[in-house]
């Protein structure tokens, strides 16, 4: 089963990082369900700005931890590189 690490941009321009097995479902939960994280519930709507596939939960959790340790600027650089890579496809 693939896991994904993702970054959301919240309505107040903050960033939220998480992991999931289903990006579409999780984004919907963050935006309209009681299953969304407490952090994003009061910062709706949120939009997906980054996603990365991982082979298993362990590697996704490690990558999530690494990303959470980055500064805001470093996270935004990661998001920008993702956008450029995504647009080149």
C-alpha atoms as a PDB file:
ATOM      1  CA  UNK A   1       0.000   0.000   0.000  1.00  0.00           C
ATOM      2  CA  UNK A   2       1.348   3.411  -0.929  1.00  0.00           C
ATOM      3  CA  UNK A   3       1.425   6.208   1.583  1.00  0.00           C
ATOM      4  CA  UNK A   4       1.641   9.882   0.766  1.00  0.00           C
ATOM      5  CA  UNK A   5       3.210  12.779   2.589  1.00  0.00           C
ATOM      6  CA  UNK A   6       1.361  15.991   1.842  1.00  0.00           C
ATOM      7  CA  UNK A   7       1.456  19.685   2.634  1.00  0.00           C
ATOM      8  CA  UNK A   8      -1.676  21.791   2.808  1.00  0.00           C
ATOM      9  CA  UNK A   9      -1.857  25.552   2.642  1.00  0.00           C
ATOM     10  CA  UNK A  10      -4.478  26.789   5.059  1.00  0.00           C
ATOM     11  CA  UNK A  11      -6.786  29.773   4.696  1.00  0.00           C
ATOM     12  CA  UNK A  12      -4.562  31.810   7.039  1.00  0.00           C
ATOM     13  CA  UNK A  13      -1.515  31.001   4.825  1.00  0.00           C
ATOM     14  CA  UNK A  14      -0.001  28.545   7.324  1.00  0.00           C
ATOM     15  CA  UNK A  15       1.226  25.115   6.231  1.00  0.00           C
ATOM     16  CA  UNK A  16       0.121  21.726   7.546  1.00  0.00           C
ATOM     17  CA  UNK A  17       2.006  18.473   6.871  1.00  0.00           C
ATOM     18  CA  UNK A  18       0.515  14.990   7.180  1.00  0.00           C
ATOM     19  CA  UNK A  19       0.443  11.447   5.783  1.00  0.00           C
ATOM     20  CA  UNK A  20      -2.356   9.403   4.246  1.00  0.00           C
ATOM     21  CA  UNK A  21      -3.121   6.492   1.943  1.00  0.00           C
ATOM     22  CA  UNK A  22      -5.739   8.500   0.013  1.00  0.00           C
ATOM     23  CA  UNK A  23      -4.977  12.147  -0.772  1.00  0.00           C
ATOM     24  CA  UNK A  24      -8.409  12.977  -2.227  1.00  0.00           C
ATOM     25  CA  UNK A  25     -10.286  11.546   0.775  1.00  0.00           C
ATOM     26  CA  UNK A  26      -7.969  13.203   3.287  1.00  0.00           C
ATOM     27  CA  UNK A  27      -8.244  16.615   1.627  1.00  0.00           C
ATOM     28  CA  UNK A  28     -12.029  16.302   1.732  1.00  0.00           C
ATOM     29  CA  UNK A  29     -11.838  15.374   5.437  1.00  0.00           C
ATOM     30  CA  UNK A  30      -9.666  18.395   6.165  1.00  0.00           C
ATOM     31  CA  UNK A  31     -12.112  20.694   4.384  1.00  0.00           C
ATOM     32  CA  UNK A  32     -15.513  19.402   5.378  1.00  0.00           C
ATOM     33  CA  UNK A  33     -15.445  16.525   7.846  1.00  0.00           C
ATOM     34  CA  UNK A  34     -15.131  16.154  11.578  1.00  0.00           C
ATOM     35  CA  UNK A  35     -12.258  13.741  10.826  1.00  0.00           C
ATOM     36  CA  UNK A  36      -9.953  16.574   9.730  1.00  0.00           C
ATOM     37  CA  UNK A  37      -7.113  17.609  12.025  1.00  0.00           C
ATOM     38  CA  UNK A  38      -7.914  20.117  14.773  1.00  0.00           C
ATOM     39  CA  UNK A  39      -5.337  22.453  13.265  1.00  0.00           C
ATOM     40  CA  UNK A  40      -7.051  22.604   9.877  1.00  0.00           C
ATOM     41  CA  UNK A  41     -10.641  22.682  11.158  1.00  0.00           C
ATOM     42  CA  UNK A  42     -10.332  26.334  12.148  1.00  0.00           C
ATOM     43  CA  UNK A  43      -8.257  27.229   9.081  1.00  0.00           C
ATOM     44  CA  UNK A  44     -10.575  26.082   6.292  1.00  0.00           C
ATOM     45  CA  UNK A  45     -10.545  25.938   3.378  1.00  0.00           C
ATOM     46  CA  UNK A  46      -7.222  24.224   2.825  1.00  0.00           C
ATOM     47  CA  UNK A  47      -5.576  23.400  -0.493  1.00  0.00           C
ATOM     48  CA  UNK A  48      -3.087  20.728  -1.435  1.00  0.00           C
ATOM     49  CA  UNK A  49       0.264  22.256  -2.422  1.00  0.00           C
ATOM     50  CA  UNK A  50       2.596  19.242  -2.185  1.00  0.00           C
ATOM     51  CA  UNK A  51       2.422  15.466  -2.272  1.00  0.00           C
ATOM     52  CA  UNK A  52       5.062  12.758  -2.262  1.00  0.00           C
ATOM     53  CA  UNK A  53       4.595   9.011  -2.572  1.00  0.00           C
ATOM     54  CA  UNK A  54       6.278   6.664  -0.084  1.00  0.00           C
ATOM     55  CA  UNK A  55       6.443   2.887  -0.191  1.00  0.00           C
ATOM     56  CA  UNK A  56       5.200   2.286   3.357  1.00  0.00           C
ATOM     57  CA  UNK A  57       3.944   3.950   6.514  1.00  0.00           C
ATOM     58  CA  UNK A  58       7.339   3.957   8.179  1.00  0.00           C
ATOM     59  CA  UNK A  59       9.075   5.838   5.373  1.00  0.00           C
ATOM     60  CA  UNK A  60       6.122   8.245   5.091  1.00  0.00           C
ATOM     61  CA  UNK A  61       6.256   8.975   8.830  1.00  0.00           C
ATOM     62  CA  UNK A  62       9.999   9.586   8.678  1.00  0.00           C
ATOM     63  CA  UNK A  63       9.606  11.913   5.705  1.00  0.00           C
ATOM     64  CA  UNK A  64       6.737  13.742   7.426  1.00  0.00           C
ATOM     65  CA  UNK A  65       8.938  14.263  10.501  1.00  0.00           C
ATOM     66  CA  UNK A  66      11.782  15.553   8.323  1.00  0.00           C
ATOM     67  CA  UNK A  67       9.490  18.030   6.536  1.00  0.00           C
ATOM     68  CA  UNK A  68       7.986  19.225   9.824  1.00  0.00           C
ATOM     69  CA  UNK A  69      11.508  20.109  11.010  1.00  0.00           C
ATOM     70  CA  UNK A  70      12.073  22.394   8.010  1.00  0.00           C
ATOM     71  CA  UNK A  71      11.678  26.150   8.294  1.00  0.00           C
ATOM     72  CA  UNK A  72       8.704  27.770   6.585  1.00  0.00           C
ATOM     73  CA  UNK A  73      11.019  29.045   3.829  1.00  0.00           C
ATOM     74  CA  UNK A  74      12.421  25.554   3.254  1.00  0.00           C
ATOM     75  CA  UNK A  75       8.897  24.124   3.065  1.00  0.00           C
ATOM     76  CA  UNK A  76       7.879  26.790   0.549  1.00  0.00           C
ATOM     77  CA  UNK A  77      10.996  25.974  -1.518  1.00  0.00           C
ATOM     78  CA  UNK A  78       9.962  22.307  -1.485  1.00  0.00           C
ATOM     79  CA  UNK A  79       6.450  23.271  -2.598  1.00  0.00           C
ATOM     80  CA  UNK A  80       7.862  25.451  -5.398  1.00  0.00           C
ATOM     81  CA  UNK A  81      10.091  22.622  -6.677  1.00  0.00           C
ATOM     82  CA  UNK A  82       7.055  20.320  -6.624  1.00  0.00           C
ATOM     83  CA  UNK A  83       5.023  22.808  -8.657  1.00  0.00           C
ATOM     84  CA  UNK A  84       7.782  23.132 -11.268  1.00  0.00           C
ATOM     85  CA  UNK A  85       8.202  19.340 -11.487  1.00  0.00           C
ATOM     86  CA  UNK A  86       4.410  18.866 -11.696  1.00  0.00           C
ATOM     87  CA  UNK A  87       4.041  21.465 -14.462  1.00  0.00           C
ATOM     88  CA  UNK A  88       6.815  19.852 -16.515  1.00  0.00           C
ATOM     89  CA  UNK A  89       4.902  16.539 -16.752  1.00  0.00           C
END
